[in-house]
Amino acid sequence: MDGHLGAAFFDRPTRRVARELLGAVFRTRGPGGVRAVRLVEVEAYVARDPANHAFGGPTRRNRSMFGPPGTLYVYRIHRVVCANVVTRRGEAVLLRAGAPLLPADARPSGPGRLARALGIEFADDGRRIGDGRWEIERDGPGVPTARIVAAPRVGISRATDRPLRFAVAGDPWVSRPRPPVT
C-alpha cells in the first residue's frame, strides 16, 4: 500500500487504519504553498464508542462522519480546529501530531496545532483526501509494530480507558501527556 492513500485504504477497520497512518506523510497544497508532516500520533473513534462524535447518529455538526471513506471531518473545540479522516460510516481517525517536514519550523504537536500547521480550517469539513489539495502517502512499509504504543485517548471525558491512541514510541513530536514507552 505504498503511494497515495485513497478511499480503499480508509475503508477498513478503524483501529488498523489508525495504526497504519503512523509514519505516513500528510501533505496539503494551498495559497500558502505546500505543507507536510509525517504522522506520529492518532486516535481511533469507533462504532458504539461514547467518545465518538457520531455515537448518537448523524447531526448537522457531524454529518461528514457519515460520508465516504477518506472524508475530512473537521470540527471546533474552544475555537481550536481539529481534523479526522473518516474510515467507515460513523468512524474516524483523529490526527493528533506530526513531525514537521514543510515548513520545517512548524509546531504540529497536538490536534489543534497539527490542523493549523497543515492549513486545515473549519470550512474544510467534508472535503476528500486525494482531491488535489489533501494527500496522504506512505513511502515504505510504515512504522514497525514494535515501535507503536497504544494508550488511552486524551482530552475526552467518556471511554477514557480504551487504548485507542496510537503513537510512535519515543518520538519527540507526540503530544503531551506522552504515552509511556514499555
N, C-alpha and C. Protein backbone atom coordinates (compact mmCIF):
# COMPACT_ATOMS: atom_id res chain seq x y z
N MET A 1 0.81 -1.20 0.00
CA MET A 1 0.00 0.00 0.00
C MET A 1 0.85 1.25 0.00
N ASP A 2 1.92 1.27 -0.74
CA ASP A 2 2.74 2.47 -0.82
C ASP A 2 2.10 3.46 -1.78
N GLY A 3 2.49 4.71 -1.68
CA GLY A 3 1.96 5.75 -2.53
C GLY A 3 0.79 6.46 -1.87
N HIS A 4 -0.03 7.11 -2.69
CA HIS A 4 -1.17 7.88 -2.19
C HIS A 4 -2.22 6.96 -1.60
N LEU A 5 -2.70 7.32 -0.43
CA LEU A 5 -3.71 6.52 0.25
C LEU A 5 -5.08 7.08 -0.10
N GLY A 6 -5.92 6.26 -0.69
CA GLY A 6 -7.25 6.68 -1.11
C GLY A 6 -8.35 6.00 -0.32
N ALA A 7 -9.56 6.04 -0.86
CA ALA A 7 -10.74 5.53 -0.18
C ALA A 7 -10.58 4.07 0.23
N ALA A 8 -9.97 3.23 -0.59
CA ALA A 8 -9.82 1.81 -0.25
C ALA A 8 -8.97 1.63 1.01
N PHE A 9 -7.95 2.46 1.19
CA PHE A 9 -7.13 2.38 2.40
C PHE A 9 -7.97 2.69 3.63
N PHE A 10 -8.82 3.71 3.55
CA PHE A 10 -9.60 4.14 4.70
C PHE A 10 -10.82 3.26 4.97
N ASP A 11 -11.28 2.53 3.98
CA ASP A 11 -12.47 1.68 4.13
C ASP A 11 -12.08 0.32 4.71
N ARG A 12 -11.50 0.37 5.90
CA ARG A 12 -11.06 -0.83 6.61
C ARG A 12 -11.28 -0.60 8.10
N PRO A 13 -11.06 -1.59 8.93
CA PRO A 13 -11.25 -1.38 10.37
C PRO A 13 -10.46 -0.17 10.88
N THR A 14 -11.12 0.66 11.64
CA THR A 14 -10.57 1.95 12.07
C THR A 14 -9.29 1.80 12.87
N ARG A 15 -9.23 0.85 13.78
CA ARG A 15 -8.01 0.66 14.57
C ARG A 15 -6.82 0.34 13.65
N ARG A 16 -7.06 -0.47 12.66
CA ARG A 16 -5.99 -0.85 11.73
C ARG A 16 -5.53 0.37 10.92
N VAL A 17 -6.50 1.13 10.41
CA VAL A 17 -6.17 2.34 9.65
C VAL A 17 -5.35 3.29 10.52
N ALA A 18 -5.78 3.47 11.77
CA ALA A 18 -5.07 4.39 12.68
C ALA A 18 -3.61 3.98 12.82
N ARG A 19 -3.37 2.72 13.10
CA ARG A 19 -2.00 2.24 13.29
C ARG A 19 -1.19 2.41 12.00
N GLU A 20 -1.81 2.13 10.85
CA GLU A 20 -1.09 2.20 9.58
C GLU A 20 -0.89 3.62 9.07
N LEU A 21 -1.59 4.60 9.65
CA LEU A 21 -1.34 6.00 9.29
C LEU A 21 -0.04 6.52 9.90
N LEU A 22 0.40 5.89 10.99
CA LEU A 22 1.65 6.34 11.61
C LEU A 22 2.80 6.19 10.61
N GLY A 23 3.55 7.24 10.45
CA GLY A 23 4.67 7.26 9.51
C GLY A 23 4.29 7.76 8.13
N ALA A 24 2.99 7.86 7.85
CA ALA A 24 2.55 8.38 6.55
C ALA A 24 2.74 9.89 6.50
N VAL A 25 2.88 10.44 5.31
CA VAL A 25 3.05 11.87 5.12
C VAL A 25 1.71 12.48 4.72
N PHE A 26 1.26 13.47 5.50
CA PHE A 26 0.04 14.22 5.18
C PHE A 26 0.51 15.53 4.57
N ARG A 27 0.09 15.79 3.32
CA ARG A 27 0.54 16.97 2.58
C ARG A 27 -0.67 17.77 2.13
N THR A 28 -0.57 19.09 2.27
CA THR A 28 -1.62 19.99 1.77
C THR A 28 -1.00 20.99 0.80
N ARG A 29 -1.82 21.37 -0.16
CA ARG A 29 -1.42 22.42 -1.10
C ARG A 29 -2.47 23.52 -1.04
N GLY A 30 -2.02 24.74 -0.87
CA GLY A 30 -2.95 25.85 -0.78
C GLY A 30 -2.28 27.15 -1.13
N PRO A 31 -2.98 28.26 -0.87
CA PRO A 31 -2.41 29.57 -1.19
C PRO A 31 -1.08 29.83 -0.50
N GLY A 32 -0.87 29.23 0.67
CA GLY A 32 0.39 29.42 1.40
C GLY A 32 1.49 28.47 0.96
N GLY A 33 1.23 27.69 -0.08
CA GLY A 33 2.24 26.74 -0.55
C GLY A 33 1.97 25.33 -0.06
N VAL A 34 3.00 24.51 -0.10
CA VAL A 34 2.89 23.11 0.32
C VAL A 34 3.27 23.01 1.79
N ARG A 35 2.47 22.27 2.53
CA ARG A 35 2.75 21.99 3.94
C ARG A 35 2.71 20.48 4.11
N ALA A 36 3.57 19.94 4.98
CA ALA A 36 3.60 18.49 5.15
C ALA A 36 4.13 18.09 6.52
N VAL A 37 3.58 16.99 7.03
CA VAL A 37 4.05 16.38 8.27
C VAL A 37 4.10 14.87 8.09
N ARG A 38 4.94 14.23 8.87
CA ARG A 38 4.92 12.76 8.98
C ARG A 38 4.12 12.45 10.25
N LEU A 39 3.00 11.74 10.10
CA LEU A 39 2.11 11.48 11.23
C LEU A 39 2.78 10.59 12.27
N VAL A 40 2.74 11.04 13.54
CA VAL A 40 3.37 10.29 14.62
C VAL A 40 2.38 9.94 15.74
N GLU A 41 1.15 10.47 15.66
CA GLU A 41 0.16 10.19 16.71
C GLU A 41 -1.24 10.38 16.16
N VAL A 42 -2.12 9.42 16.46
CA VAL A 42 -3.52 9.44 16.02
C VAL A 42 -4.38 8.81 17.11
N GLU A 43 -5.69 9.00 16.99
CA GLU A 43 -6.65 8.33 17.87
C GLU A 43 -7.78 7.76 17.03
N ALA A 44 -8.24 6.57 17.41
CA ALA A 44 -9.35 5.91 16.71
C ALA A 44 -10.66 6.20 17.44
N TYR A 45 -11.69 6.49 16.67
CA TYR A 45 -13.05 6.67 17.19
C TYR A 45 -13.93 5.69 16.43
N VAL A 46 -14.40 4.68 17.14
CA VAL A 46 -15.07 3.53 16.53
C VAL A 46 -16.55 3.50 16.87
N ALA A 47 -17.27 2.57 16.24
CA ALA A 47 -18.71 2.40 16.49
C ALA A 47 -18.95 2.02 17.96
N ARG A 48 -20.10 2.41 18.47
CA ARG A 48 -20.51 2.13 19.85
C ARG A 48 -19.52 2.69 20.87
N ASP A 49 -18.86 3.77 20.53
CA ASP A 49 -17.86 4.42 21.37
C ASP A 49 -18.47 5.74 21.86
N PRO A 50 -18.79 5.86 23.15
CA PRO A 50 -19.45 7.07 23.63
C PRO A 50 -18.61 8.35 23.49
N ALA A 51 -17.32 8.24 23.23
CA ALA A 51 -16.48 9.42 23.00
C ALA A 51 -16.50 9.85 21.53
N ASN A 52 -17.07 9.03 20.68
CA ASN A 52 -17.15 9.30 19.24
C ASN A 52 -18.23 10.34 18.98
N HIS A 53 -17.94 11.37 18.20
CA HIS A 53 -18.93 12.39 17.87
C HIS A 53 -20.13 11.81 17.12
N ALA A 54 -19.98 10.65 16.51
CA ALA A 54 -21.07 10.01 15.76
C ALA A 54 -21.89 9.04 16.61
N PHE A 55 -21.58 8.93 17.89
CA PHE A 55 -22.22 7.95 18.76
C PHE A 55 -23.75 8.03 18.74
N GLY A 56 -24.30 9.22 18.74
CA GLY A 56 -25.76 9.39 18.76
C GLY A 56 -26.41 9.42 17.39
N GLY A 57 -25.65 9.18 16.34
CA GLY A 57 -26.20 9.23 14.99
C GLY A 57 -25.88 10.54 14.30
N PRO A 58 -26.32 10.66 13.03
CA PRO A 58 -25.99 11.87 12.26
C PRO A 58 -26.68 13.12 12.80
N THR A 59 -25.92 14.22 12.80
CA THR A 59 -26.44 15.55 13.12
C THR A 59 -25.84 16.53 12.10
N ARG A 60 -26.27 17.76 12.16
CA ARG A 60 -25.69 18.76 11.27
C ARG A 60 -24.19 18.91 11.52
N ARG A 61 -23.80 18.86 12.79
CA ARG A 61 -22.38 19.04 13.15
C ARG A 61 -21.52 17.89 12.64
N ASN A 62 -21.99 16.65 12.75
CA ASN A 62 -21.13 15.51 12.47
C ASN A 62 -21.44 14.81 11.14
N ARG A 63 -22.21 15.44 10.27
CA ARG A 63 -22.64 14.75 9.04
C ARG A 63 -21.47 14.21 8.20
N SER A 64 -20.32 14.85 8.25
CA SER A 64 -19.17 14.36 7.49
C SER A 64 -18.68 13.01 8.00
N MET A 65 -18.96 12.69 9.28
CA MET A 65 -18.57 11.39 9.84
C MET A 65 -19.29 10.23 9.13
N PHE A 66 -20.35 10.55 8.43
CA PHE A 66 -21.14 9.53 7.75
C PHE A 66 -20.91 9.57 6.24
N GLY A 67 -19.87 10.29 5.83
CA GLY A 67 -19.51 10.38 4.42
C GLY A 67 -18.65 9.20 4.01
N PRO A 68 -18.22 9.21 2.76
CA PRO A 68 -17.40 8.11 2.25
C PRO A 68 -16.02 8.06 2.93
N PRO A 69 -15.39 6.89 2.93
CA PRO A 69 -14.03 6.77 3.48
C PRO A 69 -13.09 7.78 2.82
N GLY A 70 -12.26 8.42 3.66
CA GLY A 70 -11.32 9.42 3.17
C GLY A 70 -11.86 10.84 3.25
N THR A 71 -13.05 11.01 3.82
CA THR A 71 -13.64 12.34 4.02
C THR A 71 -13.02 12.99 5.26
N LEU A 72 -12.74 14.28 5.18
CA LEU A 72 -12.27 15.02 6.36
C LEU A 72 -13.47 15.39 7.23
N TYR A 73 -13.40 15.08 8.49
CA TYR A 73 -14.37 15.56 9.47
C TYR A 73 -13.63 16.58 10.32
N VAL A 74 -13.97 17.84 10.14
CA VAL A 74 -13.29 18.94 10.82
C VAL A 74 -14.28 19.60 11.75
N TYR A 75 -13.88 19.83 12.99
CA TYR A 75 -14.76 20.45 13.98
C TYR A 75 -13.96 21.38 14.86
N ARG A 76 -14.67 22.18 15.65
CA ARG A 76 -14.03 23.12 16.57
C ARG A 76 -14.28 22.69 18.01
N ILE A 77 -13.25 22.84 18.82
CA ILE A 77 -13.35 22.68 20.26
C ILE A 77 -12.72 23.94 20.85
N HIS A 78 -13.52 24.77 21.50
CA HIS A 78 -13.00 26.01 22.10
C HIS A 78 -12.19 26.83 21.10
N ARG A 79 -12.72 27.06 19.93
CA ARG A 79 -12.10 27.84 18.85
C ARG A 79 -10.89 27.16 18.21
N VAL A 80 -10.58 25.95 18.62
CA VAL A 80 -9.47 25.21 18.04
C VAL A 80 -10.04 24.22 17.03
N VAL A 81 -9.46 24.20 15.84
CA VAL A 81 -9.90 23.29 14.78
C VAL A 81 -9.14 21.97 14.91
N CYS A 82 -9.87 20.86 14.83
CA CYS A 82 -9.30 19.52 14.85
C CYS A 82 -9.77 18.78 13.61
N ALA A 83 -8.95 17.85 13.11
CA ALA A 83 -9.28 17.13 11.87
C ALA A 83 -9.20 15.63 12.07
N ASN A 84 -10.17 14.95 11.49
CA ASN A 84 -10.25 13.49 11.47
C ASN A 84 -10.37 13.06 10.02
N VAL A 85 -10.03 11.80 9.75
CA VAL A 85 -10.29 11.22 8.45
C VAL A 85 -11.26 10.07 8.67
N VAL A 86 -12.39 10.10 7.96
CA VAL A 86 -13.42 9.07 8.09
C VAL A 86 -12.89 7.75 7.53
N THR A 87 -13.19 6.70 8.25
CA THR A 87 -12.85 5.35 7.79
C THR A 87 -14.14 4.69 7.31
N ARG A 88 -14.87 4.13 8.22
CA ARG A 88 -16.17 3.54 7.89
C ARG A 88 -17.27 4.45 8.42
N ARG A 89 -18.47 4.24 7.99
CA ARG A 89 -19.61 5.09 8.36
C ARG A 89 -19.66 5.30 9.88
N GLY A 90 -19.52 6.58 10.28
CA GLY A 90 -19.58 6.93 11.68
C GLY A 90 -18.31 6.65 12.47
N GLU A 91 -17.22 6.32 11.79
CA GLU A 91 -15.95 6.07 12.45
C GLU A 91 -14.87 6.92 11.79
N ALA A 92 -13.85 7.28 12.58
CA ALA A 92 -12.80 8.14 12.02
C ALA A 92 -11.53 8.04 12.85
N VAL A 93 -10.46 8.60 12.31
CA VAL A 93 -9.17 8.69 12.98
C VAL A 93 -8.85 10.17 13.17
N LEU A 94 -8.68 10.57 14.44
CA LEU A 94 -8.26 11.93 14.76
C LEU A 94 -6.75 12.04 14.52
N LEU A 95 -6.35 13.07 13.80
CA LEU A 95 -4.94 13.34 13.54
C LEU A 95 -4.42 14.17 14.71
N ARG A 96 -3.53 13.61 15.54
CA ARG A 96 -3.10 14.27 16.78
C ARG A 96 -1.77 14.99 16.68
N ALA A 97 -0.79 14.41 15.98
CA ALA A 97 0.53 15.06 15.94
C ALA A 97 1.34 14.55 14.75
N GLY A 98 2.25 15.41 14.30
CA GLY A 98 3.11 15.04 13.19
C GLY A 98 4.49 15.67 13.35
N ALA A 99 5.48 15.03 12.76
CA ALA A 99 6.82 15.60 12.71
C ALA A 99 6.86 16.55 11.51
N PRO A 100 7.27 17.80 11.70
CA PRO A 100 7.22 18.77 10.61
C PRO A 100 8.18 18.44 9.47
N LEU A 101 7.69 18.57 8.25
CA LEU A 101 8.52 18.42 7.06
C LEU A 101 8.58 19.74 6.31
N LEU A 102 7.42 20.30 5.96
CA LEU A 102 7.32 21.59 5.26
C LEU A 102 6.23 22.43 5.90
N PRO A 103 6.48 23.60 6.38
CA PRO A 103 7.80 24.15 6.69
C PRO A 103 8.39 23.43 7.89
N ALA A 104 9.69 23.39 7.94
CA ALA A 104 10.39 22.64 8.99
C ALA A 104 10.24 23.26 10.37
N ASP A 105 9.83 24.52 10.44
CA ASP A 105 9.70 25.18 11.73
C ASP A 105 8.27 25.13 12.28
N ALA A 106 7.38 24.37 11.66
CA ALA A 106 6.01 24.22 12.17
C ALA A 106 6.05 23.52 13.51
N ARG A 107 4.98 23.67 14.29
CA ARG A 107 4.88 23.03 15.61
C ARG A 107 3.61 22.19 15.65
N PRO A 108 3.60 21.04 14.96
CA PRO A 108 2.37 20.26 14.83
C PRO A 108 2.16 19.19 15.91
N SER A 109 2.42 19.52 17.17
CA SER A 109 2.21 18.58 18.27
C SER A 109 0.92 18.92 18.99
N GLY A 110 -0.08 18.06 18.85
CA GLY A 110 -1.43 18.28 19.37
C GLY A 110 -2.37 18.49 18.20
N PRO A 111 -3.62 18.07 18.33
CA PRO A 111 -4.54 18.11 17.18
C PRO A 111 -4.82 19.51 16.63
N GLY A 112 -4.91 20.52 17.50
CA GLY A 112 -5.15 21.88 17.03
C GLY A 112 -3.94 22.45 16.31
N ARG A 113 -2.78 22.25 16.86
CA ARG A 113 -1.55 22.74 16.22
C ARG A 113 -1.29 22.01 14.91
N LEU A 114 -1.61 20.71 14.86
CA LEU A 114 -1.42 19.95 13.64
C LEU A 114 -2.32 20.49 12.53
N ALA A 115 -3.61 20.70 12.85
CA ALA A 115 -4.53 21.25 11.85
C ALA A 115 -4.05 22.62 11.37
N ARG A 116 -3.61 23.46 12.30
CA ARG A 116 -3.12 24.80 11.93
C ARG A 116 -1.88 24.69 11.05
N ALA A 117 -0.94 23.79 11.40
CA ALA A 117 0.29 23.63 10.62
C ALA A 117 -0.01 23.17 9.20
N LEU A 118 -1.07 22.40 9.03
CA LEU A 118 -1.44 21.90 7.70
C LEU A 118 -2.39 22.84 6.96
N GLY A 119 -2.79 23.93 7.61
CA GLY A 119 -3.71 24.88 6.97
C GLY A 119 -5.13 24.36 6.89
N ILE A 120 -5.50 23.43 7.75
CA ILE A 120 -6.87 22.89 7.76
C ILE A 120 -7.75 23.86 8.54
N GLU A 121 -8.87 24.23 7.93
CA GLU A 121 -9.81 25.16 8.54
C GLU A 121 -11.17 24.50 8.67
N PHE A 122 -12.02 25.09 9.50
CA PHE A 122 -13.36 24.55 9.72
C PHE A 122 -14.12 24.39 8.40
N ALA A 123 -13.89 25.29 7.46
CA ALA A 123 -14.55 25.23 6.15
C ALA A 123 -14.15 24.01 5.33
N ASP A 124 -13.09 23.31 5.73
CA ASP A 124 -12.64 22.12 5.00
C ASP A 124 -13.41 20.86 5.38
N ASP A 125 -14.31 20.97 6.35
CA ASP A 125 -15.14 19.83 6.73
C ASP A 125 -15.86 19.27 5.51
N GLY A 126 -15.77 17.96 5.32
CA GLY A 126 -16.43 17.32 4.19
C GLY A 126 -15.58 17.17 2.94
N ARG A 127 -14.39 17.79 2.91
CA ARG A 127 -13.50 17.63 1.75
C ARG A 127 -12.95 16.22 1.74
N ARG A 128 -12.38 15.81 0.62
CA ARG A 128 -11.90 14.44 0.48
C ARG A 128 -10.39 14.40 0.35
N ILE A 129 -9.78 13.42 1.02
CA ILE A 129 -8.35 13.15 0.84
C ILE A 129 -8.16 12.72 -0.62
N GLY A 130 -7.13 13.24 -1.26
CA GLY A 130 -6.86 12.89 -2.65
C GLY A 130 -7.56 13.79 -3.65
N ASP A 131 -8.13 14.92 -3.19
CA ASP A 131 -8.85 15.82 -4.09
C ASP A 131 -7.94 16.84 -4.77
N GLY A 132 -6.63 16.68 -4.62
CA GLY A 132 -5.69 17.63 -5.21
C GLY A 132 -5.11 18.56 -4.18
N ARG A 133 -5.87 18.90 -3.14
CA ARG A 133 -5.34 19.75 -2.07
C ARG A 133 -4.81 18.91 -0.92
N TRP A 134 -5.44 17.78 -0.64
CA TRP A 134 -5.11 16.94 0.51
C TRP A 134 -4.58 15.61 0.01
N GLU A 135 -3.42 15.21 0.50
CA GLU A 135 -2.86 13.91 0.14
C GLU A 135 -2.26 13.27 1.38
N ILE A 136 -2.43 11.97 1.49
CA ILE A 136 -1.71 11.20 2.49
C ILE A 136 -1.02 10.11 1.71
N GLU A 137 0.28 9.97 1.94
CA GLU A 137 1.02 8.93 1.21
C GLU A 137 1.99 8.23 2.14
N ARG A 138 2.28 7.03 1.77
CA ARG A 138 3.25 6.24 2.51
C ARG A 138 4.33 5.84 1.53
N ASP A 139 5.58 6.03 1.95
CA ASP A 139 6.70 5.75 1.05
C ASP A 139 7.48 4.52 1.48
N GLY A 140 6.86 3.66 2.24
CA GLY A 140 7.52 2.45 2.70
C GLY A 140 6.55 1.60 3.49
N PRO A 141 7.05 0.66 4.25
CA PRO A 141 6.17 -0.26 4.96
C PRO A 141 5.47 0.33 6.18
N GLY A 142 5.81 1.55 6.57
CA GLY A 142 5.18 2.15 7.75
C GLY A 142 6.00 1.89 9.00
N VAL A 143 5.44 2.24 10.13
CA VAL A 143 6.12 2.12 11.40
C VAL A 143 6.01 0.66 11.88
N PRO A 144 7.12 0.03 12.25
CA PRO A 144 7.05 -1.34 12.75
C PRO A 144 6.17 -1.44 13.99
N THR A 145 5.41 -2.50 14.10
CA THR A 145 4.50 -2.70 15.22
C THR A 145 5.21 -2.52 16.56
N ALA A 146 6.43 -2.96 16.66
CA ALA A 146 7.18 -2.86 17.92
C ALA A 146 7.43 -1.41 18.34
N ARG A 147 7.34 -0.47 17.41
CA ARG A 147 7.56 0.95 17.73
C ARG A 147 6.27 1.71 17.98
N ILE A 148 5.11 1.02 17.92
CA ILE A 148 3.82 1.68 18.13
C ILE A 148 3.35 1.45 19.56
N VAL A 149 3.00 2.54 20.22
CA VAL A 149 2.48 2.49 21.58
C VAL A 149 0.97 2.72 21.49
N ALA A 150 0.20 1.86 22.16
CA ALA A 150 -1.24 2.04 22.28
C ALA A 150 -1.52 2.49 23.71
N ALA A 151 -2.32 3.54 23.87
CA ALA A 151 -2.61 4.10 25.18
C ALA A 151 -4.03 4.65 25.18
N PRO A 152 -4.57 4.99 26.34
CA PRO A 152 -5.88 5.63 26.39
C PRO A 152 -5.84 7.00 25.70
N ARG A 153 -6.96 7.38 25.12
CA ARG A 153 -7.06 8.69 24.47
C ARG A 153 -7.05 9.79 25.52
N VAL A 154 -6.73 10.99 25.09
CA VAL A 154 -6.67 12.14 26.00
C VAL A 154 -7.63 13.22 25.51
N GLY A 155 -8.02 14.10 26.43
CA GLY A 155 -8.87 15.22 26.07
C GLY A 155 -10.33 14.85 25.91
N ILE A 156 -10.74 13.70 26.41
CA ILE A 156 -12.13 13.27 26.34
C ILE A 156 -12.62 12.98 27.75
N SER A 157 -13.94 12.88 27.91
CA SER A 157 -14.48 12.61 29.25
C SER A 157 -15.18 11.26 29.34
N ARG A 158 -15.42 10.61 28.19
CA ARG A 158 -16.07 9.29 28.19
C ARG A 158 -15.16 8.26 27.54
N ALA A 159 -15.28 7.00 27.98
CA ALA A 159 -14.49 5.90 27.43
C ALA A 159 -13.00 6.23 27.47
N THR A 160 -12.58 6.82 28.57
CA THR A 160 -11.19 7.27 28.70
C THR A 160 -10.20 6.13 28.89
N ASP A 161 -10.69 4.94 29.19
CA ASP A 161 -9.79 3.82 29.46
C ASP A 161 -9.43 3.02 28.21
N ARG A 162 -10.08 3.27 27.10
CA ARG A 162 -9.85 2.47 25.90
C ARG A 162 -8.52 2.84 25.24
N PRO A 163 -7.67 1.85 24.95
CA PRO A 163 -6.35 2.13 24.36
C PRO A 163 -6.45 2.36 22.85
N LEU A 164 -7.06 3.48 22.47
CA LEU A 164 -7.28 3.80 21.06
C LEU A 164 -6.43 4.98 20.59
N ARG A 165 -5.45 5.36 21.37
CA ARG A 165 -4.47 6.38 20.98
C ARG A 165 -3.22 5.63 20.56
N PHE A 166 -2.74 5.91 19.36
CA PHE A 166 -1.57 5.22 18.82
C PHE A 166 -0.50 6.25 18.51
N ALA A 167 0.73 5.95 18.93
CA ALA A 167 1.83 6.89 18.73
C ALA A 167 3.12 6.14 18.44
N VAL A 168 4.03 6.83 17.80
CA VAL A 168 5.36 6.28 17.54
C VAL A 168 6.15 6.42 18.84
N ALA A 169 6.57 5.30 19.40
CA ALA A 169 7.26 5.28 20.70
C ALA A 169 8.49 6.18 20.68
N GLY A 170 8.55 7.08 21.68
CA GLY A 170 9.72 7.93 21.86
C GLY A 170 9.85 9.09 20.90
N ASP A 171 8.90 9.28 19.98
CA ASP A 171 9.01 10.39 19.04
C ASP A 171 8.79 11.72 19.77
N PRO A 172 9.68 12.70 19.60
CA PRO A 172 9.55 13.95 20.33
C PRO A 172 8.35 14.80 19.93
N TRP A 173 7.70 14.50 18.79
CA TRP A 173 6.57 15.29 18.34
C TRP A 173 5.24 14.77 18.87
N VAL A 174 5.23 13.63 19.54
CA VAL A 174 3.99 13.10 20.14
C VAL A 174 3.53 14.11 21.18
N SER A 175 2.22 14.37 21.21
CA SER A 175 1.69 15.38 22.13
C SER A 175 1.69 14.89 23.58
N ARG A 176 1.54 15.82 24.47
CA ARG A 176 1.54 15.52 25.90
C ARG A 176 0.11 15.32 26.38
N PRO A 177 -0.10 14.50 27.38
CA PRO A 177 0.90 13.69 28.03
C PRO A 177 1.32 12.53 27.11
N ARG A 178 2.60 12.33 27.02
CA ARG A 178 3.12 11.28 26.13
C ARG A 178 2.81 9.90 26.72
N PRO A 179 2.38 8.98 25.86
CA PRO A 179 2.13 7.63 26.38
C PRO A 179 3.43 6.98 26.83
N PRO A 180 3.37 6.17 27.87
CA PRO A 180 4.60 5.52 28.34
C PRO A 180 5.12 4.52 27.31
N VAL A 181 6.42 4.47 27.19
CA VAL A 181 7.08 3.50 26.29
C VAL A 181 7.41 2.28 27.14
N THR A 182 6.87 1.13 26.72
CA THR A 182 7.11 -0.09 27.51
C THR A 182 8.09 -0.99 26.83
